[in-house]
Every structure is written in structure tokens, then in C-alpha cells.
Protein backbone atom coordinates (compact mmCIF):
# COMPACT_ATOMS: atom_id res chain seq x y z
CA MET A 1 -53.40 -284.27 -254.48
CA LYS A 2 -56.31 -282.70 -256.33
CA PRO A 3 -59.21 -284.98 -257.32
CA ALA A 4 -59.84 -285.73 -260.98
CA LEU A 5 -62.89 -284.18 -262.60
CA GLN A 6 -65.58 -286.26 -264.20
CA GLN A 7 -64.53 -287.56 -267.59
CA ASP A 8 -64.75 -285.12 -270.51
CA MET A 9 -65.82 -282.16 -268.39
CA THR A 10 -65.71 -278.92 -270.38
CA VAL A 11 -64.95 -275.66 -268.59
CA ALA A 12 -65.37 -272.33 -270.36
CA VAL A 13 -62.83 -269.65 -269.44
CA PRO A 14 -63.28 -265.92 -270.22
CA SER A 15 -60.48 -263.76 -271.60
CA ASN A 16 -59.80 -262.09 -268.24
CA ILE A 17 -58.49 -265.41 -266.88
CA SER A 18 -55.12 -266.26 -268.42
CA MET A 19 -54.73 -269.36 -270.60
CA ARG A 20 -51.22 -269.77 -271.96
CA GLY A 21 -50.95 -268.97 -275.67
CA ARG A 22 -54.48 -267.59 -275.96
CA PRO A 23 -55.63 -263.95 -276.22
CA ALA A 24 -56.16 -262.39 -272.80
CA GLU A 25 -57.63 -259.04 -273.78
CA ALA A 26 -60.25 -258.97 -270.99
CA GLY A 27 -62.68 -257.16 -273.28
CA SER A 28 -60.64 -253.95 -273.11
CA ASN A 29 -58.74 -251.87 -275.66
CA ALA A 30 -56.05 -251.52 -273.01
CA LEU A 31 -55.04 -255.14 -273.67
CA THR A 32 -55.61 -255.36 -277.42
CA GLY A 33 -53.31 -258.00 -278.88
CA TYR A 34 -52.12 -259.31 -275.52
CA THR A 35 -51.54 -263.08 -275.34
CA ALA A 36 -51.19 -264.85 -272.00
CA VAL A 37 -47.68 -266.20 -271.39
CA GLU A 38 -48.73 -268.60 -268.61
CA ASP A 39 -51.81 -270.21 -267.14
CA ALA A 40 -53.73 -268.77 -264.23
CA THR A 41 -53.56 -271.09 -261.23
CA VAL A 42 -57.21 -272.06 -261.65
CA VAL A 43 -56.56 -272.95 -265.30
CA ARG A 44 -53.42 -274.93 -264.49
CA ARG A 45 -55.22 -276.96 -261.84
CA LEU A 46 -58.13 -277.68 -264.15
CA ARG A 47 -55.73 -278.80 -266.89
CA GLU A 48 -53.93 -281.12 -264.48
CA ALA A 49 -57.28 -282.59 -263.43
CA GLY A 50 -58.14 -283.42 -267.05
CA ALA A 51 -60.66 -280.70 -267.88
CA HIS A 52 -61.28 -279.66 -271.48
CA LEU A 53 -60.88 -275.88 -271.55
CA ARG A 54 -62.42 -273.56 -274.10
CA SER A 55 -62.49 -269.81 -274.42
CA SER A 56 -65.69 -268.08 -273.38
CA ALA A 57 -67.32 -266.04 -276.12
CA CYS A 58 -67.96 -262.74 -274.38
CA VAL A 59 -66.79 -260.65 -271.45
CA GLY A 60 -67.49 -257.08 -270.37
CA GLU A 61 -64.52 -254.74 -270.05
CA PHE A 62 -62.30 -256.38 -267.41
CA GLY A 63 -65.34 -258.50 -266.54
CA PHE A 64 -66.89 -255.56 -264.68
CA GLY A 65 -70.64 -256.06 -264.94
CA LEU A 66 -72.39 -258.26 -267.48
CA PRO A 67 -71.24 -257.69 -271.07
CA VAL A 68 -73.03 -255.46 -273.53
CA GLY A 69 -75.10 -257.63 -275.85
CA GLY A 70 -76.42 -259.86 -273.11
CA ALA A 71 -75.30 -262.60 -270.79
CA ALA A 72 -76.39 -265.29 -273.23
CA ALA A 73 -72.78 -265.38 -274.39
CA VAL A 74 -71.61 -265.68 -270.80
CA ALA A 75 -74.01 -268.31 -269.55
CA PRO A 76 -76.45 -269.58 -272.16
CA ARG A 77 -79.37 -271.71 -271.09
CA PRO A 78 -78.66 -275.44 -270.74
CA SER A 79 -80.62 -276.14 -273.91
CA ALA A 80 -77.83 -274.41 -275.82
CA GLY A 81 -75.59 -277.36 -275.03
CA GLY A 82 -72.62 -275.27 -273.94
CA ALA A 83 -70.31 -275.50 -270.94
CA GLU A 84 -73.13 -274.55 -268.63
CA ALA A 85 -74.92 -277.85 -269.33
CA VAL A 86 -75.08 -280.43 -266.57
CA ASP A 87 -71.70 -281.97 -267.48
CA GLY A 88 -69.83 -278.68 -267.83
CA ALA A 89 -69.05 -275.42 -266.08
CA GLU A 90 -68.11 -271.84 -266.76
CA LEU A 91 -65.71 -269.61 -264.86
CA LEU A 92 -66.64 -265.96 -264.47
CA MET A 93 -64.88 -263.17 -262.63
CA ASP A 94 -67.10 -261.90 -259.83
CA PHE A 95 -66.48 -258.30 -258.73
CA MET A 96 -69.97 -257.34 -257.59
CA GLY A 97 -72.19 -260.37 -258.23
CA GLU A 98 -71.72 -261.07 -261.96
CA SER A 99 -71.65 -264.86 -261.55
CA ARG A 100 -74.94 -264.91 -259.66
CA LEU A 101 -76.64 -262.52 -262.09
CA ALA A 102 -75.48 -264.56 -265.09
CA ALA A 103 -76.74 -267.72 -263.36
CA ALA A 104 -80.10 -266.05 -262.74
CA HIS A 105 -80.35 -265.22 -266.43
CA ALA A 106 -79.61 -268.78 -267.48
CA SER A 107 -81.68 -270.43 -264.69
CA ILE A 108 -78.64 -272.41 -263.54
CA TYR A 109 -76.53 -272.47 -260.38
CA GLY A 110 -73.89 -269.85 -259.64
CA LEU A 111 -71.32 -269.81 -256.83
CA LYS A 112 -69.12 -266.98 -255.62
CA PRO A 113 -66.52 -268.74 -253.45
CA SER A 114 -65.19 -267.35 -250.19
CA TYR A 115 -62.53 -264.70 -250.64
CA GLY A 116 -59.11 -266.28 -250.16
CA LEU A 117 -60.23 -269.80 -251.06
CA VAL A 118 -59.28 -269.68 -254.75
CA SER A 119 -56.00 -268.24 -256.04
CA ARG A 120 -56.20 -264.99 -257.99
CA PHE A 121 -52.88 -265.55 -259.77
CA GLY A 122 -53.37 -265.09 -263.51
CA LEU A 123 -56.71 -263.31 -263.18
CA ILE A 124 -56.85 -259.94 -264.92
CA GLY A 125 -58.45 -258.26 -261.96
CA LEU A 126 -59.74 -254.84 -261.07
CA ILE A 127 -60.75 -254.85 -257.37
CA PRO A 128 -58.18 -256.98 -255.52
CA SER A 129 -59.93 -257.21 -252.14
CA MET A 130 -63.37 -258.09 -253.55
CA GLU A 131 -62.85 -260.06 -256.77
CA CYS A 132 -62.86 -263.83 -257.09
CA CYS A 133 -63.42 -266.53 -259.67
CA GLY A 134 -67.09 -267.54 -259.77
CA ILE A 135 -68.34 -270.91 -261.04
CA LEU A 136 -71.55 -271.54 -263.02
CA SER A 137 -73.10 -274.86 -264.01
CA GLY A 138 -76.36 -276.70 -264.44
CA SER A 139 -75.22 -279.06 -261.66
CA LEU A 140 -74.20 -278.35 -258.09
CA ASN A 141 -72.11 -281.54 -258.14
CA THR A 142 -70.12 -280.09 -261.03
CA ILE A 143 -69.62 -276.80 -259.20
CA GLY A 144 -68.38 -278.76 -256.19
CA GLU A 145 -65.90 -280.74 -258.31
CA VAL A 146 -64.54 -277.62 -259.96
CA LEU A 147 -64.23 -275.83 -256.62
CA MET A 148 -62.37 -278.76 -255.04
CA THR A 149 -60.01 -278.76 -258.00
CA VAL A 150 -59.11 -275.07 -257.98
CA ALA A 151 -59.26 -274.27 -254.24
CA GLY A 152 -56.35 -274.19 -251.86
CA GLN A 153 -53.07 -272.48 -251.08
CA ASP A 154 -50.94 -271.12 -253.90
CA GLY A 155 -47.44 -269.75 -253.50
CA LEU A 156 -48.03 -267.49 -256.50
CA ASP A 157 -50.81 -265.54 -254.78
CA PHE A 158 -49.38 -263.83 -251.73
CA SER A 159 -52.74 -262.28 -250.85
CA LEU A 160 -54.17 -265.66 -249.84
CA PRO A 161 -54.57 -266.02 -246.07
CA GLU A 162 -52.63 -268.83 -244.44
CA GLU A 163 -55.65 -271.08 -244.00
CA ASP A 164 -56.24 -274.60 -245.18
CA ALA A 165 -59.04 -275.21 -247.66
CA PRO A 166 -62.21 -276.40 -245.91
CA ASP A 167 -63.36 -279.99 -246.00
CA PHE A 168 -65.52 -280.45 -249.11
CA SER A 169 -66.61 -283.99 -248.24
CA PRO A 170 -70.42 -284.22 -248.60
CA ARG A 171 -72.21 -284.11 -245.27
CA GLU A 172 -75.78 -284.92 -244.39
CA ILE A 173 -78.21 -282.04 -244.14
CA ARG A 174 -80.77 -282.32 -241.33
CA PRO A 175 -83.26 -279.48 -241.79
CA GLU A 176 -84.56 -279.69 -238.24
CA GLU A 177 -81.07 -278.79 -236.98
CA ILE A 178 -80.54 -275.80 -239.28
CA THR A 179 -81.67 -272.22 -238.78
CA ILE A 180 -81.65 -269.94 -241.82
CA GLY A 181 -81.70 -266.20 -241.31
CA ILE A 182 -83.67 -263.81 -243.50
CA ILE A 183 -82.06 -260.36 -243.40
CA THR A 184 -84.98 -257.99 -242.87
CA GLU A 185 -83.38 -255.05 -244.64
CA ALA A 186 -82.56 -257.13 -247.74
CA GLN A 187 -86.14 -258.34 -247.92
CA SER A 188 -87.42 -254.77 -247.53
CA MET A 189 -85.22 -253.54 -250.37
CA ALA A 190 -86.57 -256.30 -252.63
CA ALA A 191 -90.15 -255.37 -251.74
CA GLY A 192 -89.65 -251.65 -252.36
CA ALA A 193 -91.31 -250.69 -255.64
CA GLU A 194 -88.70 -248.19 -256.74
CA ARG A 195 -89.06 -246.69 -260.18
CA SER A 196 -86.20 -246.25 -262.59
CA PRO A 197 -85.66 -242.54 -263.29
CA ALA A 198 -84.75 -243.44 -266.87
CA THR A 199 -87.69 -245.64 -267.82
CA GLY A 200 -90.23 -245.28 -265.03
CA ASP A 201 -90.33 -249.06 -264.75
CA SER A 202 -90.98 -250.45 -261.31
CA ARG A 203 -88.00 -252.39 -259.97
CA GLY A 204 -88.28 -254.96 -257.22
CA ALA A 205 -92.08 -254.68 -257.08
CA PRO A 206 -93.94 -257.54 -255.33
CA THR A 207 -94.60 -259.69 -258.38
CA PRO A 208 -94.39 -263.52 -258.60
CA ARG A 209 -90.73 -262.99 -259.58
CA GLY A 210 -90.19 -260.44 -256.80
CA ALA A 211 -91.15 -260.16 -253.16
CA GLU A 212 -94.22 -262.41 -253.34
CA GLY A 213 -92.24 -265.11 -255.11
CA PHE A 214 -89.49 -264.86 -252.50
CA ARG A 215 -92.00 -265.27 -249.67
CA ALA A 216 -93.50 -268.29 -251.40
CA SER A 217 -90.05 -269.84 -251.76
CA MET A 218 -89.43 -269.26 -248.04
CA GLU A 219 -92.63 -271.11 -247.21
CA GLU A 220 -91.34 -274.04 -249.23
CA LEU A 221 -88.13 -274.00 -247.19
CA ARG A 222 -90.21 -274.17 -244.01
CA ARG A 223 -92.07 -277.15 -245.41
CA LEU A 224 -88.73 -278.92 -245.82
CA GLY A 225 -88.23 -278.57 -242.06
CA PHE A 226 -85.82 -275.62 -241.84
CA THR A 227 -86.26 -273.01 -239.13
CA LEU A 228 -86.40 -269.54 -240.68
CA ARG A 229 -85.73 -266.50 -238.53
CA GLU A 230 -85.73 -262.84 -239.43
CA VAL A 231 -82.54 -261.04 -238.41
CA SER A 232 -81.64 -257.38 -238.69
CA LEU A 233 -78.57 -255.83 -240.31
CA PRO A 234 -79.22 -252.07 -240.05
CA GLY A 235 -76.22 -251.19 -242.21
CA TYR A 236 -77.28 -253.40 -245.14
CA GLU A 237 -77.93 -250.45 -247.45
CA LEU A 238 -74.32 -249.32 -246.94
CA PHE A 239 -72.89 -252.27 -248.88
CA SER A 240 -73.38 -250.36 -252.13
CA LEU A 241 -71.67 -247.22 -250.84
CA VAL A 242 -68.72 -249.17 -249.41
CA HIS A 243 -68.25 -251.21 -252.58
CA ARG A 244 -68.42 -248.13 -254.78
CA VAL A 245 -65.85 -246.12 -252.80
CA VAL A 246 -63.40 -248.89 -251.88
CA GLY A 247 -63.81 -250.69 -255.20
CA SER A 248 -63.21 -247.61 -257.33
CA VAL A 249 -60.07 -246.66 -255.38
CA GLU A 250 -58.65 -250.17 -255.76
CA ALA A 251 -59.54 -250.20 -259.46
CA SER A 252 -57.92 -246.82 -260.06
CA SER A 253 -54.71 -248.10 -258.50
CA ALA A 254 -54.81 -251.50 -260.22
CA ALA A 255 -55.42 -249.97 -263.66
CA GLY A 256 -52.19 -247.99 -263.45
CA ARG A 257 -50.36 -250.93 -265.01
CA TYR A 258 -52.19 -250.43 -268.33
CA ASP A 259 -49.85 -247.73 -269.58
CA SER A 260 -49.31 -248.86 -273.22
CA VAL A 261 -45.59 -249.25 -272.48
CA ARG A 262 -45.44 -253.00 -271.84
CA TYR A 263 -48.60 -253.96 -273.73
CA GLY A 264 -51.66 -252.46 -275.33
CA PRO A 265 -51.96 -250.01 -278.25
CA ARG A 266 -50.15 -246.69 -278.23
CA ALA A 267 -51.94 -243.55 -279.41
CA PRO A 268 -50.26 -242.11 -282.52
CA GLY A 269 -48.92 -238.58 -282.76
CA ALA A 270 -47.48 -238.26 -279.27
CA LYS A 271 -44.44 -235.96 -279.01
CA ASN A 272 -42.96 -237.50 -275.86
CA TRP A 273 -43.44 -240.34 -273.38
CA ASN A 274 -45.68 -238.35 -271.07
CA GLU A 275 -47.98 -237.32 -273.92
CA MET A 276 -48.02 -240.89 -275.24
CA TYR A 277 -49.02 -242.14 -271.81
CA LEU A 278 -51.84 -239.63 -271.40
CA MET A 279 -53.20 -240.07 -274.92
CA SER A 280 -53.00 -243.86 -274.79
CA ARG A 281 -54.69 -244.05 -271.39
CA GLY A 282 -57.47 -241.85 -272.69
CA ALA A 283 -58.14 -244.22 -275.57
CA ALA A 284 -57.61 -247.45 -273.63
CA PHE A 285 -60.79 -247.65 -271.57
CA GLY A 286 -64.51 -247.59 -272.25
CA THR A 287 -66.82 -244.96 -270.78
CA LEU A 288 -67.99 -247.03 -267.81
CA ILE A 289 -64.50 -248.06 -266.70
CA LYS A 290 -63.21 -244.51 -267.22
CA SER A 291 -65.94 -243.19 -264.94
CA TYR A 292 -65.06 -245.77 -262.32
CA LEU A 293 -61.33 -245.01 -262.45
CA ILE A 294 -61.89 -241.24 -262.30
CA GLN A 295 -64.16 -241.71 -259.30
CA GLY A 296 -61.49 -243.83 -257.61
CA ALA A 297 -58.81 -241.23 -258.29
CA PHE A 298 -61.07 -238.58 -256.76
CA PHE A 299 -61.48 -240.52 -253.52
CA GLN A 300 -57.80 -241.46 -253.51
CA PHE A 301 -56.38 -237.97 -253.96
CA GLU A 302 -59.13 -235.45 -253.14
CA ARG A 303 -61.38 -237.17 -250.58
CA TYR A 304 -59.12 -239.73 -248.98
CA GLU A 305 -60.95 -239.40 -245.67
CA ALA A 306 -64.09 -240.75 -247.39
CA PHE A 307 -62.10 -243.80 -248.48
CA ILE A 308 -60.87 -244.36 -244.91
CA ASP A 309 -64.44 -244.02 -243.61
CA ALA A 310 -65.64 -246.56 -246.18
CA CYS A 311 -62.96 -249.01 -245.04
CA ARG A 312 -64.10 -248.57 -241.43
CA ILE A 313 -67.73 -249.13 -242.40
CA ARG A 314 -66.68 -252.24 -244.32
CA ALA A 315 -64.96 -253.64 -241.22
CA ARG A 316 -68.08 -252.92 -239.19
CA LEU A 317 -70.32 -254.67 -241.73
CA VAL A 318 -68.06 -257.73 -241.65
CA GLU A 319 -68.28 -257.81 -237.85
CA ASP A 320 -72.06 -257.35 -237.95
CA MET A 321 -72.39 -260.33 -240.27
CA ARG A 322 -70.19 -262.42 -237.96
CA ARG A 323 -72.42 -261.46 -235.06
CA LEU A 324 -75.47 -262.67 -236.97
CA GLU A 325 -73.63 -265.91 -237.78
CA SER A 326 -73.75 -266.71 -234.07
CA GLU A 327 -77.56 -266.62 -234.25
CA VAL A 328 -78.19 -268.57 -237.47
CA ASP A 329 -76.38 -271.17 -239.58
CA PHE A 330 -76.98 -269.70 -243.04
CA PHE A 331 -78.65 -266.71 -244.64
CA VAL A 332 -81.12 -266.51 -247.50
CA LEU A 333 -81.48 -263.33 -249.53
CA PRO A 334 -83.75 -262.36 -252.43
CA MET A 335 -82.32 -261.94 -255.89
CA ASP A 336 -83.36 -258.89 -257.88
CA ASP A 337 -84.34 -260.30 -261.28
CA GLY A 338 -84.23 -256.88 -262.92
CA PRO A 339 -80.67 -257.25 -264.24
CA ALA A 340 -81.44 -260.68 -265.67
CA GLN A 341 -84.50 -259.31 -267.43
CA GLU A 342 -82.44 -256.43 -268.85
CA VAL A 343 -79.83 -258.87 -270.10
CA ARG A 344 -82.45 -261.10 -271.75
CA SER A 345 -83.68 -258.08 -273.67
CA GLY A 346 -80.14 -257.28 -274.81
CA ALA A 347 -79.83 -254.11 -272.73
CA GLY A 348 -76.46 -255.27 -271.38
CA VAL A 349 -74.51 -253.20 -268.87
CA PRO A 350 -76.35 -250.10 -267.62
CA PRO A 351 -74.87 -246.93 -269.15
CA SER A 352 -73.91 -245.34 -265.83
CA LEU A 353 -72.21 -246.31 -262.58
CA ALA A 354 -75.41 -245.51 -260.71
CA GLY A 355 -77.34 -247.89 -262.95
CA LEU A 356 -74.66 -250.56 -262.61
CA TYR A 357 -74.74 -250.43 -258.83
CA GLU A 358 -78.52 -250.39 -258.78
CA SER A 359 -78.63 -253.55 -260.87
CA HIS A 360 -76.17 -255.30 -258.51
CA ALA A 361 -77.69 -254.04 -255.25
CA SER A 362 -78.82 -257.51 -254.17
CA THR A 363 -75.43 -259.19 -254.69
CA LEU A 364 -72.78 -256.71 -253.47
CA TYR A 365 -72.81 -257.86 -249.84
CA ALA A 366 -70.83 -261.08 -250.45
CA ASN A 367 -68.02 -259.30 -252.31
CA VAL A 368 -67.69 -256.75 -249.51
CA THR A 369 -67.64 -259.33 -246.68
CA GLY A 370 -65.80 -262.14 -248.50
CA GLN A 371 -68.55 -264.67 -247.75
CA PRO A 372 -69.51 -267.45 -250.17
CA ALA A 373 -72.80 -266.96 -252.00
CA LEU A 374 -74.79 -269.52 -253.98
CA TYR A 375 -77.62 -268.76 -256.39
CA LEU A 376 -80.39 -271.37 -256.64
CA PRO A 377 -82.67 -271.00 -259.69
CA PRO A 378 -86.46 -271.24 -259.55
CA VAL A 379 -88.02 -274.71 -259.55
CA PRO A 380 -91.47 -274.96 -261.20
CA GLY A 381 -94.04 -276.14 -258.70
CA SER A 382 -91.82 -275.45 -255.68
CA ALA A 383 -89.78 -272.25 -255.69
CA PRO A 384 -91.37 -269.59 -257.95
CA THR A 385 -88.28 -267.39 -257.79
CA GLY A 386 -84.56 -267.93 -257.42
CA PHE A 387 -82.68 -266.77 -254.34
CA GLN A 388 -79.23 -266.58 -252.78
CA LEU A 389 -77.83 -268.66 -249.94
CA THR A 390 -74.80 -267.51 -248.00
CA GLY A 391 -72.92 -268.62 -244.93
CA PRO A 392 -69.78 -267.91 -242.91
CA ARG A 393 -66.54 -267.45 -244.78
CA LEU A 394 -64.99 -270.80 -245.83
CA SER A 395 -68.32 -272.62 -245.36
CA ASP A 396 -68.42 -273.25 -249.13
CA GLY A 397 -68.66 -277.04 -248.86
CA ARG A 398 -71.49 -276.90 -246.36
CA LEU A 399 -73.25 -274.26 -248.47
CA LEU A 400 -73.14 -276.56 -251.50
CA ASP A 401 -74.51 -279.42 -249.36
CA LEU A 402 -77.41 -277.19 -248.34
CA GLY A 403 -78.08 -276.07 -251.90
CA ARG A 404 -77.95 -279.66 -253.14
CA PHE A 405 -80.41 -280.84 -250.46
CA ILE A 406 -82.89 -278.07 -251.25
CA SER A 407 -82.62 -278.57 -255.00
CA GLU A 408 -83.02 -282.34 -254.83
CA SER A 409 -85.96 -282.03 -252.42
CA TRP A 410 -87.69 -279.84 -254.97
CA GLY A 411 -86.91 -282.13 -257.87
CA GLY A 412 -83.99 -280.12 -259.21
CA GLU A 413 -80.43 -281.16 -260.22
């Protein structure tokens, strides 16, 4: 039996997560006018637990990347009094790190659960093997309650592995018994002062919000008693390549259902079904999604060997992370604040796939490996910059315990 949520908890749900009787257009012309006929499993479980559900104001096309116009509509700051406040939460589809980037923008907590922990039934997805339902809130306790409510086996999602949900009971954190690994290559990428070819702006430069801030935050972790150890993952830079190839192929296949036959607008003037299909598909998607789908079709039909190679590299990266898990208990990774800064200025989703992947470079790893990832925001006087914590797959409960201990030790929560 699922636990009840705290009284009067509000959970915001975007339009790419089905709520019966409400529009489920997922921010795309391909689903214009579509109304969900049943609840997603996560929505049904939240309803049964007594949550107050409301529609989220804004979502990028299919939830891919942060929406144009800024993430303020996705995860406003707690002062806005929305679902992201301490007593509420927001669900957000996470394909490549969107929930952590939105959390970084709002200076709140953001969790990407382990792949296979939360049912995907009723989610209007795009990348089946990498997507999951992220959770944002101003309180880690709230994130834990929501996760306990929605996690677990679901007969409607046949892609879920036959594993029991982990024990979410709070456990004591003893810093002296915990070793946290710092992935050298991730830290090096954050410290590299790369310049955007479009603007010339330095990205990831060692500023108080960049590499220097990350190092200062790590010193604060040491002061709490944790053992920090640098570990090497030589293939770290391949996460972006693997995600881009495998993700685009999966998206190209998944988007085949949006044919304007069962739902979505049909282009006028077509002379036959084939012409209607081609014309409607051409008008259904935005430029960014079109580029992604075309890229996926290329790898699927013209360079299939590249897709197979990417799958092999993905398997190797997963094994490499498991090897490192035998050396440390958790990992800590820097968070590139560039995307959050762009969103604050209203820049929204980068105009190209290259820009999109650059802005998510620090978050892709968890979607590729299926590991849980938790974003902790900066804490004035303690941690000058936010960062990500991650652990072995299905260690979500323990990861939340760790995040809660760190946050409370620094005067957060």
C-alpha cells in the first residue's frame, strides 16, 4: 500500500504526462487538440495518495530541452508560491537532464530517479531507454514522499525490470564511513574555458559559479567528514555522442506514431493518404525536433553500424561506472550553470542540436547509464555553487538521505 502524501500537497504536471480529461498536447503541433483518455500511472498513484494536481504552464516540444521563453514557467523560484514551494512538487520529463537544469534555475532540488523505478505508462515520451519522470521541489522530504508514492512495479509498463522498489526508509548518514568520488574528466570539462562559437562567451570558466565554486563546495563536503577521492572515467566525453546517436534513433522510431491519422491536425490539400501523411508530418514538428528525427533516421537507415557502435559504447560506459561504484559509495559532479543563465535571460532552448547537447553536457551521463541523479542548489555561506550527486542504480533512497544530510548540515531545507 502506497503511503499518503502530506496534507494538501500540490503537484504540477506538464502536458506530456497524461491526466484524464485534460489536454495532453506535449507542446507539439503533432498533438494539437489531443485530450488524455486515462491517467498516467504516476498521476493515478498521486491521485490515490490525495495529491492536488494542477497542469504545468509550459513545456518544450515533447519536453525535449527546456521550453522556449524560459524555465520560470517550468520551475519558478519558491518566492513565486507555486508547486515548487516547500509544500509542493513538480513533475518534469527528463530526457537529457531537464529536471536538474530547471532545478538549477530555480535554486531548488531536482531528482532524476533510477531508470526502471518509476512507470513510464502514460508519459508522452521520445527516448524510451533514457527518459524518466523527474521530480522538483523546494524540499527533499517532499521529493522523497512523491518518489515513494509513484515508484514500483506496474503491469501497464512492460519495460520495467522485474525488481522490487528499493527501501526508502530514512537511514542515518555517517560521513566518516562514506567515500564520494569526483570524476576527474567531469571536473576537467567544467574547468575548460570553452568559448561559444555563436557569442564568444566563455562557458564553464573557473568563476565562483564554475570550477572555483565547485572546488569550494568540495572543501565544505570534506569539512563535514566525507572522504573525497578522484576517480577516472576516460570515456566520460562519449556520453554526449552516445546519447545523441542512440537517443535520436529511438526518437525517430517513437515519433512514427504521430501520423495525423489517429490524432493531430491533417495538412489540407492532400490528394491521397500518402501525401496527407507526408504533408502532415512536415507540419507537425518544430525545427529542433525535426532535426533530431532526421538525424535518427539517418543513423537508422544509412549508418546503422554507427548506431550499433554507440550501443556498444553505452554498455561499456555502464560497466565502467559499475566498476567505479566498487571504489566509492557515491559520485559528485559539477553542474554547468550556463543553461540556467540562458534560461533566466529568456534565451530558452538553443537553436541547434549542437547547442542543445552542449548545454546538457554535464547532465547526460545519468540518462545514458540509468543512474539516479540529485541536484543540490547553492547554500549561501557554505556551498557557493550547486552540484549533482549520483549513486548506483536503485540507490535513490540512500541518495536522498545523503542530500538531506548535506543540506541540513549547511542550513538548507
